Amino acid sequence: SSAASDVYKRQEKKRDDSRTIYAYGADTLAKISQMKVLIIGMRGLGFEVAKNIILTGPSAVSIWDPQPLETKDLGSTFTLNVTPDGKISRAEAAIDQLKELNPYVEVNVVKTPVTIESLKNYTVVFVTELLFPISKLKEMDLFCRSQNPAIGFIFTLTLGLYGFTFVDLGRKMYVKDSTGEMTIPFVVALITQGNPGIVRLHEDKKHNLSDDDYVKFKEVEGMTELN
């Protein structure tokens, strides 16, 4: 029955959410579930980005790539089972498979031109193909950065064995967990009273911290104001 099917779908979603919470944390999952993502370019890299984002469960993912699907595109997006006919776009060729990845995410093809103003509709913009001149990409980035809250702008390309990623998440970007590793406690052996003070760890263990990392002190004796 439809009622039993609905119960099963809710249970399945609950299991999926629990796995995602384990991987990303509840706070991050809550933010992801509100995201509306635009992905520009739907060759190998764009398809892979779309796949991974859809599986995390954002509110919606829109893809834009009006270029006609060509046979060479199947070499980088090998999962596509569409025959190039010169009429179907790369985005249209990918949409059906992307929709199947997560029934709880709205996935659609943007068929109108992407304008600077249209970026307001999204939380994050991914650019994975040079479908615009660099000057236009700079305008897009500056526009996204100027919004309040800022729209995330990520520009990434693969060039053979080489690739790069440019990330602009606005003027205020706080990285809560840059590695995904568990927080490691250390025993403080000494804190100097100079300015700046120097913190020495027990037995000179390496802390692997970087500039601007957040450090929390607790149970420090003699300098209780640090706790």
N, C-alpha and C. Protein backbone atom coordinates (compact mmCIF):
# COMPACT_ATOMS: atom_id res chain seq x y z
N SER A 1 0.84 -1.19 0.00
CA SER A 1 0.00 0.00 0.00
C SER A 1 0.87 1.24 0.00
N SER A 2 0.25 2.38 -0.32
CA SER A 2 1.01 3.63 -0.36
C SER A 2 1.47 4.03 1.03
N ALA A 3 0.64 3.73 2.09
CA ALA A 3 1.02 4.06 3.46
C ALA A 3 2.26 3.28 3.88
N ALA A 4 2.29 2.00 3.55
CA ALA A 4 3.45 1.17 3.89
C ALA A 4 4.69 1.65 3.13
N SER A 5 4.48 2.05 1.88
CA SER A 5 5.60 2.57 1.08
C SER A 5 6.16 3.84 1.68
N ASP A 6 5.26 4.72 2.18
CA ASP A 6 5.71 5.96 2.80
C ASP A 6 6.51 5.69 4.07
N VAL A 7 6.05 4.73 4.86
CA VAL A 7 6.76 4.37 6.09
C VAL A 7 8.15 3.84 5.75
N TYR A 8 8.22 3.00 4.72
CA TYR A 8 9.51 2.44 4.31
C TYR A 8 10.46 3.54 3.85
N LYS A 9 9.93 4.49 3.09
CA LYS A 9 10.77 5.59 2.60
C LYS A 9 11.29 6.45 3.74
N ARG A 10 10.42 6.68 4.75
CA ARG A 10 10.85 7.47 5.91
C ARG A 10 11.94 6.74 6.68
N GLN A 11 11.77 5.43 6.83
CA GLN A 11 12.78 4.64 7.54
C GLN A 11 14.10 4.63 6.77
N GLU A 12 14.00 4.52 5.45
CA GLU A 12 15.19 4.50 4.61
C GLU A 12 15.93 5.84 4.70
N LYS A 13 15.16 6.93 4.68
CA LYS A 13 15.77 8.25 4.79
C LYS A 13 16.42 8.43 6.16
N LYS A 14 15.79 7.92 7.20
CA LYS A 14 16.36 8.03 8.54
C LYS A 14 17.69 7.30 8.61
N ARG A 15 17.79 6.13 7.96
CA ARG A 15 19.05 5.38 7.95
C ARG A 15 20.11 6.16 7.17
N ASP A 16 19.72 6.74 6.02
CA ASP A 16 20.66 7.52 5.23
C ASP A 16 21.16 8.73 6.02
N ASP A 17 20.24 9.40 6.72
CA ASP A 17 20.61 10.58 7.50
C ASP A 17 21.57 10.22 8.62
N SER A 18 21.34 9.06 9.25
CA SER A 18 22.21 8.66 10.36
C SER A 18 23.63 8.43 9.86
N ARG A 19 23.77 7.86 8.66
CA ARG A 19 25.11 7.65 8.10
C ARG A 19 25.76 8.99 7.77
N THR A 20 24.97 9.93 7.23
CA THR A 20 25.50 11.24 6.88
C THR A 20 25.89 12.01 8.12
N ILE A 21 25.08 11.92 9.18
CA ILE A 21 25.41 12.59 10.44
C ILE A 21 26.73 12.05 10.99
N TYR A 22 26.93 10.75 10.88
CA TYR A 22 28.18 10.16 11.37
C TYR A 22 29.37 10.71 10.59
N ALA A 23 29.18 10.92 9.28
CA ALA A 23 30.29 11.39 8.45
C ALA A 23 30.54 12.88 8.60
N TYR A 24 29.47 13.70 8.69
CA TYR A 24 29.62 15.16 8.66
C TYR A 24 29.28 15.84 9.96
N GLY A 25 28.49 15.21 10.81
CA GLY A 25 28.02 15.86 12.02
C GLY A 25 26.64 16.46 11.81
N ALA A 26 25.86 16.56 12.89
CA ALA A 26 24.48 17.03 12.80
C ALA A 26 24.39 18.48 12.34
N ASP A 27 25.29 19.34 12.84
CA ASP A 27 25.25 20.76 12.46
C ASP A 27 25.49 20.94 10.97
N THR A 28 26.50 20.24 10.46
CA THR A 28 26.81 20.34 9.03
C THR A 28 25.68 19.79 8.18
N LEU A 29 25.09 18.67 8.60
CA LEU A 29 23.99 18.09 7.84
C LEU A 29 22.80 19.05 7.77
N ALA A 30 22.54 19.75 8.89
CA ALA A 30 21.43 20.71 8.90
C ALA A 30 21.66 21.83 7.89
N LYS A 31 22.92 22.28 7.77
CA LYS A 31 23.24 23.33 6.80
C LYS A 31 23.15 22.80 5.37
N ILE A 32 23.64 21.59 5.17
CA ILE A 32 23.61 20.99 3.83
C ILE A 32 22.17 20.84 3.34
N SER A 33 21.27 20.45 4.24
CA SER A 33 19.88 20.21 3.86
C SER A 33 19.17 21.48 3.38
N GLN A 34 19.73 22.65 3.68
CA GLN A 34 19.13 23.92 3.26
C GLN A 34 19.79 24.47 1.99
N MET A 35 20.83 23.83 1.52
CA MET A 35 21.60 24.37 0.40
C MET A 35 20.89 24.22 -0.94
N LYS A 36 21.05 25.24 -1.77
CA LYS A 36 20.62 25.18 -3.16
C LYS A 36 21.86 25.41 -4.02
N VAL A 37 22.23 24.40 -4.78
CA VAL A 37 23.52 24.37 -5.45
C VAL A 37 23.35 24.50 -6.96
N LEU A 38 24.18 25.32 -7.58
CA LEU A 38 24.25 25.41 -9.04
C LEU A 38 25.59 24.85 -9.49
N ILE A 39 25.55 23.92 -10.44
CA ILE A 39 26.77 23.33 -10.99
C ILE A 39 26.83 23.67 -12.47
N ILE A 40 27.87 24.38 -12.87
CA ILE A 40 28.07 24.79 -14.26
C ILE A 40 29.09 23.85 -14.88
N GLY A 41 28.69 23.18 -15.95
CA GLY A 41 29.56 22.20 -16.60
C GLY A 41 29.17 20.80 -16.21
N MET A 42 28.95 19.94 -17.21
CA MET A 42 28.49 18.59 -16.90
C MET A 42 29.25 17.57 -17.74
N ARG A 43 30.59 17.72 -17.71
CA ARG A 43 31.42 16.65 -18.23
C ARG A 43 31.86 15.79 -17.05
N GLY A 44 33.00 15.15 -17.13
CA GLY A 44 33.39 14.21 -16.08
C GLY A 44 33.45 14.83 -14.71
N LEU A 45 34.14 15.97 -14.56
CA LEU A 45 34.29 16.60 -13.26
C LEU A 45 32.95 17.11 -12.74
N GLY A 46 32.19 17.78 -13.58
CA GLY A 46 30.90 18.31 -13.16
C GLY A 46 29.95 17.22 -12.72
N PHE A 47 29.94 16.10 -13.44
CA PHE A 47 29.08 14.98 -13.09
C PHE A 47 29.49 14.39 -11.73
N GLU A 48 30.79 14.27 -11.51
CA GLU A 48 31.28 13.73 -10.25
C GLU A 48 30.95 14.65 -9.08
N VAL A 49 31.10 15.96 -9.28
CA VAL A 49 30.74 16.92 -8.25
C VAL A 49 29.25 16.82 -7.95
N ALA A 50 28.43 16.78 -8.99
CA ALA A 50 26.98 16.68 -8.81
C ALA A 50 26.62 15.40 -8.05
N LYS A 51 27.22 14.31 -8.42
CA LYS A 51 26.92 13.02 -7.77
C LYS A 51 27.21 13.08 -6.28
N ASN A 52 28.39 13.57 -5.92
CA ASN A 52 28.78 13.60 -4.52
C ASN A 52 27.91 14.57 -3.70
N ILE A 53 27.55 15.69 -4.30
CA ILE A 53 26.73 16.66 -3.58
C ILE A 53 25.31 16.13 -3.38
N ILE A 54 24.75 15.54 -4.42
CA ILE A 54 23.39 15.01 -4.32
C ILE A 54 23.30 13.92 -3.25
N LEU A 55 24.32 13.11 -3.14
CA LEU A 55 24.32 12.03 -2.15
C LEU A 55 24.36 12.56 -0.71
N THR A 56 24.86 13.78 -0.51
CA THR A 56 24.89 14.35 0.85
C THR A 56 23.54 14.90 1.26
N GLY A 57 22.63 15.17 0.30
CA GLY A 57 21.27 15.55 0.65
C GLY A 57 20.97 17.03 0.77
N PRO A 58 21.41 17.88 -0.18
CA PRO A 58 21.01 19.29 -0.13
C PRO A 58 19.55 19.46 -0.52
N SER A 59 19.04 20.68 -0.41
CA SER A 59 17.65 20.94 -0.77
C SER A 59 17.44 20.77 -2.28
N ALA A 60 18.34 21.33 -3.08
CA ALA A 60 18.18 21.27 -4.53
C ALA A 60 19.53 21.41 -5.22
N VAL A 61 19.66 20.77 -6.37
CA VAL A 61 20.85 20.88 -7.22
C VAL A 61 20.40 21.19 -8.63
N SER A 62 20.91 22.30 -9.16
CA SER A 62 20.61 22.69 -10.55
C SER A 62 21.87 22.54 -11.38
N ILE A 63 21.73 21.99 -12.58
CA ILE A 63 22.89 21.81 -13.45
C ILE A 63 22.69 22.62 -14.72
N TRP A 64 23.78 23.20 -15.22
CA TRP A 64 23.71 24.03 -16.43
C TRP A 64 24.87 23.70 -17.33
N ASP A 65 24.58 23.21 -18.50
CA ASP A 65 25.58 22.97 -19.54
C ASP A 65 24.84 22.79 -20.86
N PRO A 66 24.70 23.87 -21.62
CA PRO A 66 23.93 23.80 -22.87
C PRO A 66 24.69 23.21 -24.05
N GLN A 67 25.97 22.87 -23.83
CA GLN A 67 26.76 22.32 -24.93
C GLN A 67 26.21 20.96 -25.36
N PRO A 68 26.10 20.73 -26.69
CA PRO A 68 25.60 19.42 -27.16
C PRO A 68 26.51 18.28 -26.71
N LEU A 69 25.90 17.17 -26.31
CA LEU A 69 26.66 16.00 -25.92
C LEU A 69 27.40 15.44 -27.13
N GLU A 70 28.70 15.19 -26.97
CA GLU A 70 29.52 14.61 -28.04
C GLU A 70 30.06 13.26 -27.60
N THR A 71 30.50 12.48 -28.57
CA THR A 71 31.01 11.15 -28.26
C THR A 71 32.18 11.22 -27.30
N LYS A 72 33.05 12.23 -27.45
CA LYS A 72 34.22 12.34 -26.57
C LYS A 72 33.82 12.58 -25.12
N ASP A 73 32.63 13.15 -24.90
CA ASP A 73 32.17 13.39 -23.53
C ASP A 73 31.92 12.08 -22.79
N LEU A 74 31.59 11.03 -23.53
CA LEU A 74 31.31 9.74 -22.89
C LEU A 74 32.57 9.13 -22.31
N GLY A 75 33.74 9.60 -22.76
CA GLY A 75 35.00 9.10 -22.22
C GLY A 75 35.26 9.58 -20.80
N SER A 76 34.75 10.76 -20.47
CA SER A 76 34.97 11.29 -19.12
C SER A 76 33.77 11.05 -18.21
N THR A 77 32.61 10.94 -18.80
CA THR A 77 31.39 10.64 -18.04
C THR A 77 30.88 9.28 -18.52
N PHE A 78 31.62 8.25 -18.13
CA PHE A 78 31.40 6.92 -18.73
C PHE A 78 30.10 6.28 -18.28
N THR A 79 29.45 6.81 -17.25
CA THR A 79 28.20 6.19 -16.79
C THR A 79 27.00 6.59 -17.65
N LEU A 80 27.17 7.60 -18.49
CA LEU A 80 26.04 8.02 -19.32
C LEU A 80 25.70 6.94 -20.34
N ASN A 81 24.41 6.69 -20.51
CA ASN A 81 23.98 5.69 -21.50
C ASN A 81 23.13 6.36 -22.57
N VAL A 82 23.47 7.62 -22.89
CA VAL A 82 22.76 8.38 -23.91
C VAL A 82 23.60 8.45 -25.17
N THR A 83 22.96 8.25 -26.32
CA THR A 83 23.67 8.33 -27.59
C THR A 83 23.69 9.78 -28.08
N PRO A 84 24.86 10.34 -28.31
CA PRO A 84 24.92 11.73 -28.80
C PRO A 84 24.23 11.85 -30.17
N ASP A 85 23.34 12.85 -30.27
CA ASP A 85 22.65 13.06 -31.54
C ASP A 85 22.75 14.51 -32.01
N GLY A 86 23.56 15.31 -31.29
CA GLY A 86 23.72 16.70 -31.66
C GLY A 86 22.61 17.60 -31.17
N LYS A 87 21.59 17.02 -30.54
CA LYS A 87 20.44 17.80 -30.08
C LYS A 87 20.37 17.86 -28.55
N ILE A 88 20.72 16.78 -27.89
CA ILE A 88 20.63 16.74 -26.43
C ILE A 88 21.87 17.39 -25.82
N SER A 89 21.66 18.20 -24.80
CA SER A 89 22.79 18.88 -24.15
C SER A 89 23.44 17.95 -23.14
N ARG A 90 24.63 18.34 -22.69
CA ARG A 90 25.32 17.53 -21.69
C ARG A 90 24.54 17.48 -20.38
N ALA A 91 23.90 18.59 -20.02
CA ALA A 91 23.09 18.60 -18.80
C ALA A 91 21.88 17.69 -18.94
N GLU A 92 21.21 17.75 -20.07
CA GLU A 92 20.03 16.91 -20.29
C GLU A 92 20.41 15.43 -20.32
N ALA A 93 21.61 15.13 -20.81
CA ALA A 93 22.04 13.74 -20.87
C ALA A 93 22.32 13.17 -19.48
N ALA A 94 22.66 14.04 -18.53
CA ALA A 94 23.04 13.57 -17.20
C ALA A 94 21.90 13.57 -16.20
N ILE A 95 20.83 14.32 -16.48
CA ILE A 95 19.82 14.59 -15.46
C ILE A 95 19.14 13.33 -14.92
N ASP A 96 18.81 12.38 -15.77
CA ASP A 96 18.06 11.20 -15.31
C ASP A 96 18.87 10.38 -14.31
N GLN A 97 20.14 10.17 -14.60
CA GLN A 97 20.97 9.39 -13.67
C GLN A 97 21.19 10.12 -12.36
N LEU A 98 21.33 11.43 -12.43
CA LEU A 98 21.53 12.21 -11.20
C LEU A 98 20.29 12.17 -10.31
N LYS A 99 19.13 12.22 -10.92
CA LYS A 99 17.88 12.17 -10.14
C LYS A 99 17.74 10.86 -9.39
N GLU A 100 18.25 9.79 -9.96
CA GLU A 100 18.12 8.47 -9.33
C GLU A 100 18.97 8.32 -8.08
N LEU A 101 19.97 9.20 -7.91
CA LEU A 101 20.90 9.05 -6.80
C LEU A 101 20.26 9.30 -5.45
N ASN A 102 19.32 10.26 -5.39
CA ASN A 102 18.72 10.62 -4.11
C ASN A 102 17.32 11.18 -4.36
N PRO A 103 16.29 10.41 -4.08
CA PRO A 103 14.91 10.86 -4.35
C PRO A 103 14.47 12.04 -3.49
N TYR A 104 15.25 12.37 -2.45
CA TYR A 104 14.87 13.46 -1.55
C TYR A 104 15.49 14.79 -1.95
N VAL A 105 16.24 14.80 -3.03
CA VAL A 105 16.88 16.03 -3.52
C VAL A 105 16.24 16.44 -4.85
N GLU A 106 15.86 17.69 -4.95
CA GLU A 106 15.32 18.21 -6.21
C GLU A 106 16.48 18.48 -7.17
N VAL A 107 16.49 17.78 -8.29
CA VAL A 107 17.55 17.95 -9.29
C VAL A 107 16.92 18.42 -10.58
N ASN A 108 17.43 19.49 -11.15
CA ASN A 108 16.83 20.04 -12.37
C ASN A 108 17.88 20.61 -13.30
N VAL A 109 17.49 20.75 -14.56
CA VAL A 109 18.34 21.36 -15.59
C VAL A 109 17.93 22.81 -15.77
N VAL A 110 18.91 23.71 -15.69
CA VAL A 110 18.65 25.12 -15.98
C VAL A 110 18.75 25.31 -17.49
N LYS A 111 17.66 25.72 -18.11
CA LYS A 111 17.63 25.85 -19.57
C LYS A 111 17.77 27.29 -20.04
N THR A 112 17.71 28.23 -19.11
CA THR A 112 17.89 29.64 -19.46
C THR A 112 19.35 30.03 -19.20
N PRO A 113 19.83 31.10 -19.84
CA PRO A 113 21.22 31.52 -19.63
C PRO A 113 21.49 31.86 -18.16
N VAL A 114 22.67 31.51 -17.69
CA VAL A 114 23.08 31.87 -16.34
C VAL A 114 23.59 33.30 -16.35
N THR A 115 22.91 34.17 -15.62
CA THR A 115 23.30 35.57 -15.52
C THR A 115 23.82 35.85 -14.12
N ILE A 116 24.48 37.00 -13.97
CA ILE A 116 24.98 37.38 -12.66
C ILE A 116 23.82 37.45 -11.66
N GLU A 117 22.74 38.06 -12.07
CA GLU A 117 21.60 38.24 -11.17
C GLU A 117 20.98 36.90 -10.76
N SER A 118 21.01 35.92 -11.66
CA SER A 118 20.38 34.63 -11.36
C SER A 118 21.12 33.86 -10.27
N LEU A 119 22.35 34.24 -9.97
CA LEU A 119 23.12 33.54 -8.94
C LEU A 119 22.52 33.74 -7.56
N LYS A 120 21.66 34.76 -7.40
CA LYS A 120 21.01 35.02 -6.12
C LYS A 120 20.15 33.84 -5.65
N ASN A 121 19.78 32.99 -6.59
CA ASN A 121 18.88 31.88 -6.26
C ASN A 121 19.59 30.71 -5.59
N TYR A 122 20.91 30.81 -5.41
CA TYR A 122 21.68 29.66 -4.96
C TYR A 122 22.49 29.98 -3.70
N THR A 123 22.85 28.91 -3.01
CA THR A 123 23.70 29.01 -1.83
C THR A 123 25.16 28.85 -2.19
N VAL A 124 25.42 27.95 -3.15
CA VAL A 124 26.78 27.67 -3.61
C VAL A 124 26.76 27.53 -5.13
N VAL A 125 27.79 28.08 -5.79
CA VAL A 125 27.93 27.97 -7.24
C VAL A 125 29.24 27.25 -7.54
N PHE A 126 29.14 26.14 -8.27
CA PHE A 126 30.32 25.40 -8.72
C PHE A 126 30.52 25.65 -10.22
N VAL A 127 31.73 25.98 -10.61
CA VAL A 127 32.07 26.11 -12.02
C VAL A 127 33.11 25.04 -12.34
N THR A 128 32.76 24.09 -13.23
CA THR A 128 33.66 22.97 -13.53
C THR A 128 34.08 22.93 -14.99
N GLU A 129 33.65 23.93 -15.77
CA GLU A 129 34.01 24.02 -17.19
C GLU A 129 34.19 25.48 -17.55
N LEU A 130 35.07 25.76 -18.50
CA LEU A 130 35.26 27.13 -18.98
C LEU A 130 34.21 27.45 -20.04
N LEU A 131 32.98 27.61 -19.58
CA LEU A 131 31.89 27.98 -20.49
C LEU A 131 31.69 29.49 -20.51
N PHE A 132 32.45 30.20 -19.69
CA PHE A 132 32.45 31.66 -19.66
C PHE A 132 33.90 32.15 -19.73
N PRO A 133 34.14 33.35 -20.24
CA PRO A 133 35.49 33.92 -20.17
C PRO A 133 35.88 34.18 -18.72
N ILE A 134 37.18 34.22 -18.45
CA ILE A 134 37.67 34.44 -17.10
C ILE A 134 37.13 35.75 -16.52
N SER A 135 37.01 36.77 -17.36
CA SER A 135 36.50 38.06 -16.88
C SER A 135 35.08 37.92 -16.32
N LYS A 136 34.27 37.06 -16.95
CA LYS A 136 32.91 36.84 -16.47
C LYS A 136 32.92 36.05 -15.16
N LEU A 137 33.85 35.10 -15.05
CA LEU A 137 33.95 34.34 -13.80
C LEU A 137 34.35 35.24 -12.64
N LYS A 138 35.21 36.21 -12.90
CA LYS A 138 35.60 37.16 -11.85
C LYS A 138 34.38 37.97 -11.40
N GLU A 139 33.56 38.39 -12.36
CA GLU A 139 32.35 39.13 -12.01
C GLU A 139 31.42 38.28 -11.15
N MET A 140 31.29 37.00 -11.53
CA MET A 140 30.43 36.09 -10.78
C MET A 140 30.94 35.93 -9.35
N ASP A 141 32.24 35.77 -9.21
CA ASP A 141 32.83 35.60 -7.89
C ASP A 141 32.62 36.84 -7.03
N LEU A 142 32.86 38.02 -7.59
CA LEU A 142 32.70 39.26 -6.84
C LEU A 142 31.24 39.46 -6.43
N PHE A 143 30.33 39.10 -7.31
CA PHE A 143 28.90 39.22 -6.98
C PHE A 143 28.55 38.29 -5.82
N CYS A 144 28.99 37.03 -5.91
CA CYS A 144 28.70 36.06 -4.86
C CYS A 144 29.29 36.52 -3.53
N ARG A 145 30.48 37.07 -3.59
CA ARG A 145 31.16 37.53 -2.38
C ARG A 145 30.46 38.73 -1.75
N SER A 146 29.81 39.55 -2.57
CA SER A 146 29.18 40.78 -2.08
C SER A 146 27.83 40.55 -1.41
N GLN A 147 27.27 39.36 -1.56
CA GLN A 147 25.95 39.08 -1.00
C GLN A 147 26.03 38.89 0.52
N ASN A 148 24.89 39.06 1.17
CA ASN A 148 24.82 38.88 2.61
C ASN A 148 23.62 37.99 2.97
N PRO A 149 23.85 36.72 3.33
CA PRO A 149 25.17 36.08 3.46
C PRO A 149 25.80 35.80 2.11
N ALA A 150 27.11 35.64 2.11
CA ALA A 150 27.84 35.40 0.87
C ALA A 150 27.40 34.09 0.23
N ILE A 151 27.40 34.08 -1.10
CA ILE A 151 27.15 32.85 -1.86
C ILE A 151 28.50 32.18 -2.11
N GLY A 152 28.62 30.92 -1.76
CA GLY A 152 29.88 30.22 -1.99
C GLY A 152 30.18 30.12 -3.48
N PHE A 153 31.42 30.39 -3.87
CA PHE A 153 31.83 30.31 -5.27
C PHE A 153 33.05 29.40 -5.36
N ILE A 154 32.91 28.31 -6.11
CA ILE A 154 33.99 27.33 -6.25
C ILE A 154 34.26 27.11 -7.73
N PHE A 155 35.49 27.35 -8.13
CA PHE A 155 35.91 27.20 -9.52
C PHE A 155 36.96 26.10 -9.57
N THR A 156 36.70 25.04 -10.30
CA THR A 156 37.62 23.91 -10.34
C THR A 156 37.69 23.33 -11.76
N LEU A 157 38.89 22.94 -12.15
CA LEU A 157 39.10 22.36 -13.48
C LEU A 157 40.07 21.19 -13.37
N THR A 158 39.92 20.23 -14.27
CA THR A 158 40.93 19.19 -14.45
C THR A 158 41.54 19.38 -15.82
N LEU A 159 42.87 19.39 -15.86
CA LEU A 159 43.60 19.62 -17.10
C LEU A 159 44.59 18.48 -17.28
N GLY A 160 44.08 17.35 -17.74
CA GLY A 160 44.94 16.17 -17.86
C GLY A 160 45.30 15.65 -16.48
N LEU A 161 46.60 15.56 -16.20
CA LEU A 161 47.05 15.08 -14.90
C LEU A 161 47.05 16.19 -13.86
N TYR A 162 46.74 17.39 -14.26
CA TYR A 162 46.78 18.55 -13.37
C TYR A 162 45.37 19.06 -13.12
N GLY A 163 45.15 19.56 -11.95
CA GLY A 163 43.86 20.16 -11.64
C GLY A 163 44.02 21.22 -10.57
N PHE A 164 43.01 22.05 -10.39
CA PHE A 164 43.06 23.06 -9.34
C PHE A 164 41.65 23.37 -8.88
N THR A 165 41.57 23.97 -7.69
CA THR A 165 40.30 24.39 -7.13
C THR A 165 40.47 25.73 -6.44
N PHE A 166 39.60 26.67 -6.80
CA PHE A 166 39.57 27.99 -6.17
C PHE A 166 38.28 28.08 -5.36
N VAL A 167 38.40 28.43 -4.08
CA VAL A 167 37.24 28.47 -3.19
C VAL A 167 37.11 29.86 -2.57
N ASP A 168 35.94 30.47 -2.71
CA ASP A 168 35.66 31.76 -2.08
C ASP A 168 34.32 31.63 -1.36
N LEU A 169 34.37 31.58 -0.05
CA LEU A 169 33.16 31.45 0.75
C LEU A 169 32.82 32.75 1.48
N GLY A 170 33.34 33.86 0.96
CA GLY A 170 33.02 35.16 1.53
C GLY A 170 34.13 35.70 2.40
N ARG A 171 33.92 36.91 2.90
CA ARG A 171 34.93 37.58 3.71
C ARG A 171 35.13 36.92 5.05
N LYS A 172 34.09 36.31 5.60
CA LYS A 172 34.18 35.65 6.89
C LYS A 172 33.99 34.16 6.68
N MET A 173 35.08 33.41 6.77
CA MET A 173 35.01 31.97 6.58
C MET A 173 35.65 31.29 7.79
N TYR A 174 34.87 30.52 8.51
CA TYR A 174 35.36 29.82 9.68
C TYR A 174 35.37 28.33 9.37
N VAL A 175 36.56 27.74 9.36
CA VAL A 175 36.70 26.31 9.10
C VAL A 175 36.68 25.59 10.45
N LYS A 176 35.59 24.89 10.71
CA LYS A 176 35.43 24.21 12.00
C LYS A 176 36.22 22.92 12.05
N ASP A 177 36.33 22.23 10.92
CA ASP A 177 37.04 20.94 10.89
C ASP A 177 37.68 20.79 9.52
N SER A 178 38.96 21.09 9.42
CA SER A 178 39.64 21.10 8.12
C SER A 178 40.11 19.72 7.68
N THR A 179 40.21 18.77 8.61
CA THR A 179 40.78 17.46 8.28
C THR A 179 39.82 16.31 8.48
N GLY A 180 38.79 16.49 9.31
CA GLY A 180 37.89 15.38 9.62
C GLY A 180 38.45 14.45 10.68
N GLU A 181 39.67 14.74 11.16
CA GLU A 181 40.27 13.89 12.18
C GLU A 181 39.70 14.22 13.57
N MET A 182 39.77 13.26 14.46
CA MET A 182 39.32 13.48 15.83
C MET A 182 40.22 14.51 16.52
N THR A 183 39.62 15.31 17.42
CA THR A 183 40.40 16.27 18.19
C THR A 183 41.32 15.52 19.15
N ILE A 184 42.61 15.92 19.15
CA ILE A 184 43.59 15.22 19.97
C ILE A 184 43.97 16.09 21.17
N PRO A 185 43.83 15.57 22.39
CA PRO A 185 44.24 16.35 23.57
C PRO A 185 45.75 16.24 23.81
N PHE A 186 46.33 17.28 24.38
CA PHE A 186 47.74 17.28 24.73
C PHE A 186 47.90 17.77 26.16
N VAL A 187 48.95 17.31 26.81
CA VAL A 187 49.26 17.73 28.18
C VAL A 187 50.20 18.92 28.13
N VAL A 188 49.77 20.03 28.76
CA VAL A 188 50.59 21.24 28.80
C VAL A 188 51.60 21.12 29.93
N ALA A 189 52.88 21.31 29.61
CA ALA A 189 53.93 21.23 30.62
C ALA A 189 54.31 22.59 31.16
N LEU A 190 54.24 23.64 30.30
CA LEU A 190 54.71 24.95 30.73
C LEU A 190 54.07 26.02 29.86
N ILE A 191 53.70 27.14 30.48
CA ILE A 191 53.24 28.32 29.75
C ILE A 191 54.01 29.51 30.29
N THR A 192 54.75 30.19 29.42
CA THR A 192 55.53 31.34 29.87
C THR A 192 54.62 32.54 30.10
N GLN A 193 55.08 33.50 30.88
CA GLN A 193 54.29 34.68 31.20
C GLN A 193 54.63 35.87 30.30
N GLY A 194 55.40 35.63 29.27
CA GLY A 194 55.76 36.72 28.35
C GLY A 194 54.60 37.08 27.44
N ASN A 195 54.84 38.04 26.56
CA ASN A 195 53.84 38.46 25.59
C ASN A 195 54.48 38.49 24.20
N PRO A 196 54.20 37.52 23.35
CA PRO A 196 53.20 36.45 23.57
C PRO A 196 53.75 35.32 24.44
N GLY A 197 52.84 34.63 25.09
CA GLY A 197 53.24 33.49 25.90
C GLY A 197 53.56 32.28 25.04
N ILE A 198 54.44 31.45 25.51
CA ILE A 198 54.84 30.24 24.79
C ILE A 198 54.32 29.03 25.56
N VAL A 199 53.61 28.16 24.85
CA VAL A 199 53.06 26.96 25.45
C VAL A 199 53.93 25.77 25.06
N ARG A 200 54.40 25.05 26.04
CA ARG A 200 55.19 23.85 25.79
C ARG A 200 54.40 22.63 26.22
N LEU A 201 54.43 21.62 25.39
CA LEU A 201 53.68 20.40 25.67
C LEU A 201 54.55 19.41 26.44
N HIS A 202 53.89 18.49 27.07
CA HIS A 202 54.59 17.46 27.82
C HIS A 202 55.46 16.63 26.88
N GLU A 203 56.72 16.48 27.24
CA GLU A 203 57.69 15.67 26.49
C GLU A 203 57.87 16.17 25.07
N ASP A 204 57.61 17.46 24.85
CA ASP A 204 57.83 18.09 23.52
C ASP A 204 57.14 17.34 22.39
N LYS A 205 55.94 16.86 22.64
CA LYS A 205 55.19 16.18 21.59
C LYS A 205 54.76 17.17 20.52
N LYS A 206 54.75 16.74 19.28
CA LYS A 206 54.33 17.61 18.19
C LYS A 206 52.82 17.77 18.21
N HIS A 207 52.35 19.00 18.04
CA HIS A 207 50.92 19.25 18.11
C HIS A 207 50.23 19.29 16.75
N ASN A 208 50.99 19.51 15.68
CA ASN A 208 50.44 19.55 14.30
C ASN A 208 49.42 20.66 14.11
N LEU A 209 49.48 21.70 14.91
CA LEU A 209 48.57 22.83 14.75
C LEU A 209 49.13 23.83 13.75
N SER A 210 48.24 24.65 13.20
CA SER A 210 48.62 25.67 12.24
C SER A 210 48.17 27.04 12.73
N ASP A 211 48.64 28.09 12.07
CA ASP A 211 48.21 29.44 12.42
C ASP A 211 46.69 29.54 12.35
N ASP A 212 46.11 30.26 13.31
CA ASP A 212 44.67 30.53 13.38
C ASP A 212 43.84 29.32 13.78
N ASP A 213 44.48 28.21 14.15
CA ASP A 213 43.73 27.07 14.67
C ASP A 213 43.12 27.42 16.03
N TYR A 214 41.98 26.85 16.33
CA TYR A 214 41.29 27.09 17.62
C TYR A 214 41.81 26.10 18.65
N VAL A 215 42.25 26.62 19.79
CA VAL A 215 42.77 25.79 20.87
C VAL A 215 41.98 26.08 22.14
N LYS A 216 41.58 25.04 22.85
CA LYS A 216 40.84 25.19 24.11
C LYS A 216 41.66 24.60 25.25
N PHE A 217 41.85 25.42 26.29
CA PHE A 217 42.57 24.96 27.46
C PHE A 217 41.57 24.55 28.55
N LYS A 218 41.93 23.57 29.33
CA LYS A 218 41.12 23.20 30.49
C LYS A 218 42.02 22.56 31.54
N GLU A 219 41.61 22.72 32.78
CA GLU A 219 42.31 22.15 33.94
C GLU A 219 43.75 22.64 34.05
N VAL A 220 44.00 23.87 33.59
CA VAL A 220 45.32 24.46 33.72
C VAL A 220 45.47 25.04 35.12
N GLU A 221 46.50 24.64 35.84
CA GLU A 221 46.75 25.13 37.19
C GLU A 221 47.72 26.31 37.15
N GLY A 222 47.47 27.32 37.95
CA GLY A 222 48.35 28.47 38.02
C GLY A 222 47.96 29.57 37.06
N MET A 223 47.23 29.24 35.99
CA MET A 223 46.70 30.22 35.04
C MET A 223 45.25 29.87 34.76
N THR A 224 44.44 29.92 35.77
CA THR A 224 43.04 29.47 35.64
C THR A 224 42.24 30.30 34.65
N GLU A 225 42.72 31.53 34.34
CA GLU A 225 41.99 32.36 33.39
C GLU A 225 42.00 31.77 31.99
N LEU A 226 42.88 30.81 31.73
CA LEU A 226 42.93 30.15 30.41
C LEU A 226 41.82 29.12 30.26
N ASN A 227 41.31 28.62 31.37
CA ASN A 227 40.34 27.52 31.31
C ASN A 227 38.97 28.00 30.81
